[in-house]
Amino acid sequence: MTFFHRSQTPHQDWCARDHRCGLDEHRSPEVIADRAGGRAVITRVRAGDVEYAEVNVRIPLHADGARWQVGEVLRLMRDLLAAVALRPGVLHTARRAAAIRANTATRFNLGAAPHDWIDR
């Protein structure tokens, strides 16, 4: 019988420090945005040396407009990725990041950052 050995990684200051964290993965508490019957759940994750935001979205579709809605979701997700995803050789400045946060908060009426781990 073969056993795998994984090195335990220390908790991050932003992680949940409970059952959501595994041996080599740390997860923050979920940030939930509810609006008009839809729901988005955002979780900060660190797995090994890689850190990322996990976003799960559930949007109710209307029978007559489902095709348009799905197309609009795809367009907005591309815009979101273009705005926040870092690309090799491109590093957004703090000023750019603040502008993106302000624009997103205004556009989607999110208000202030829901959790302090967003700015860490």
Protein backbone atom coordinates (compact mmCIF):
# COMPACT_ATOMS: atom_id res chain seq x y z
CA MET A 1 0.00 0.00 0.00
CA THR A 2 1.32 3.43 -0.95
CA PHE A 3 0.92 6.44 1.28
CA PHE A 4 1.25 10.00 0.09
CA HIS A 5 2.98 12.53 2.27
CA ARG A 6 2.14 16.18 1.95
CA SER A 7 3.83 18.91 3.88
CA GLN A 8 1.42 20.92 5.94
CA THR A 9 1.44 24.62 5.09
CA PRO A 10 0.93 27.27 7.78
CA HIS A 11 -2.36 29.13 7.96
CA GLN A 12 -2.53 32.53 6.30
CA ASP A 13 -3.69 35.55 8.28
CA TRP A 14 -6.81 35.75 6.06
CA CYS A 15 -7.80 32.06 5.95
CA ALA A 16 -10.79 30.58 7.75
CA ARG A 17 -8.59 28.29 9.93
CA ASP A 18 -11.26 25.59 10.07
CA HIS A 19 -12.61 22.66 8.02
CA ARG A 20 -12.32 24.71 4.81
CA CYS A 21 -8.53 24.51 4.97
CA GLY A 22 -6.77 21.30 3.93
CA LEU A 23 -3.19 20.18 4.40
CA ASP A 24 -1.89 22.15 1.43
CA GLU A 25 -4.81 24.47 0.66
CA HIS A 26 -6.16 27.43 2.60
CA ARG A 27 -9.54 29.05 2.00
CA SER A 28 -11.02 32.29 3.29
CA PRO A 29 -14.55 32.66 4.60
CA GLU A 30 -16.95 33.08 1.69
CA VAL A 31 -18.05 36.52 0.57
CA ILE A 32 -21.61 36.40 -0.73
CA ALA A 33 -23.37 38.92 -2.95
CA ASP A 34 -27.12 38.42 -3.46
CA ARG A 35 -29.15 40.50 -5.86
CA ALA A 36 -32.32 40.10 -7.95
CA GLY A 37 -32.50 36.36 -7.29
CA GLY A 38 -28.87 35.79 -8.34
CA ARG A 39 -25.96 34.95 -6.11
CA ALA A 40 -22.18 35.19 -6.32
CA VAL A 41 -19.84 33.49 -3.85
CA ILE A 42 -16.19 34.57 -3.78
CA THR A 43 -13.48 32.68 -1.89
CA ARG A 44 -9.79 33.50 -1.65
CA VAL A 45 -7.72 30.32 -2.04
CA ARG A 46 -4.03 29.49 -1.65
CA ALA A 47 -2.93 26.09 -2.93
CA GLY A 48 0.80 25.49 -2.62
CA ASP A 49 2.50 28.60 -4.00
CA VAL A 50 -0.50 29.72 -6.08
CA GLU A 51 -3.13 32.12 -4.81
CA TYR A 52 -6.40 32.82 -6.63
CA ALA A 53 -10.00 33.97 -6.25
CA GLU A 54 -12.65 31.33 -6.78
CA VAL A 55 -15.94 32.78 -8.04
CA ASN A 56 -19.19 30.81 -8.25
CA VAL A 57 -22.20 32.57 -9.75
CA ARG A 58 -25.82 31.45 -9.98
CA ILE A 59 -28.11 33.55 -12.15
CA PRO A 60 -31.77 32.71 -12.78
CA LEU A 61 -32.55 32.64 -16.49
CA HIS A 62 -35.76 33.94 -18.03
CA ALA A 63 -37.41 31.62 -20.59
CA ASP A 64 -37.57 34.33 -23.27
CA GLY A 65 -34.16 35.90 -22.63
CA ALA A 66 -31.91 33.02 -21.55
CA ARG A 67 -29.73 33.13 -24.65
CA TRP A 68 -29.13 36.87 -24.28
CA GLN A 69 -28.51 36.49 -20.53
CA VAL A 70 -25.88 33.77 -21.03
CA GLY A 71 -24.17 35.88 -23.71
CA GLU A 72 -24.16 38.89 -21.40
CA VAL A 73 -22.68 36.82 -18.56
CA LEU A 74 -19.89 35.66 -20.85
CA ARG A 75 -19.16 39.24 -21.97
CA LEU A 76 -19.10 40.54 -18.40
CA MET A 77 -16.86 37.68 -17.23
CA ARG A 78 -14.39 38.52 -20.01
CA ASP A 79 -14.48 42.18 -18.90
CA LEU A 80 -13.92 41.11 -15.29
CA LEU A 81 -10.95 38.92 -16.21
CA ALA A 82 -9.44 41.70 -18.33
CA ALA A 83 -9.85 44.16 -15.45
CA VAL A 84 -8.46 42.09 -12.57
CA ALA A 85 -6.37 39.19 -13.86
CA LEU A 86 -2.64 39.88 -13.83
CA ARG A 87 -0.77 38.90 -16.94
CA PRO A 88 2.95 38.09 -17.16
CA GLY A 89 4.91 41.32 -17.43
CA VAL A 90 1.92 43.48 -16.48
CA LEU A 91 1.49 44.61 -12.91
CA HIS A 92 -1.35 46.94 -12.03
CA THR A 93 -0.40 49.77 -9.71
CA ALA A 94 -2.24 50.41 -6.49
CA ARG A 95 -3.83 53.42 -8.17
CA ARG A 96 -5.19 51.26 -11.03
CA ALA A 97 -6.46 48.64 -8.55
CA ALA A 98 -8.24 51.34 -6.53
CA ALA A 99 -9.87 52.69 -9.71
CA ILE A 100 -11.05 49.21 -10.66
CA ARG A 101 -12.52 48.65 -7.18
CA ALA A 102 -14.26 52.03 -7.25
CA ASN A 103 -15.66 51.43 -10.74
CA THR A 104 -16.85 47.93 -9.84
CA ALA A 105 -18.41 49.09 -6.57
CA THR A 106 -20.24 51.90 -8.38
CA ARG A 107 -21.28 49.80 -11.37
CA PHE A 108 -22.61 46.91 -9.29
CA ASN A 109 -23.53 48.93 -6.18
CA LEU A 110 -21.28 46.83 -3.94
CA GLY A 111 -20.30 49.57 -1.53
CA ALA A 112 -17.10 49.14 0.47
CA ALA A 113 -14.92 46.03 0.41
CA PRO A 114 -16.89 43.29 2.23
CA HIS A 115 -13.86 41.78 3.96
CA ASP A 116 -10.45 43.10 4.91
CA TRP A 117 -8.65 40.21 3.17
CA ILE A 118 -9.42 41.77 -0.22
CA ASP A 119 -6.77 44.45 0.30
CA ARG A 120 -4.06 42.18 1.72
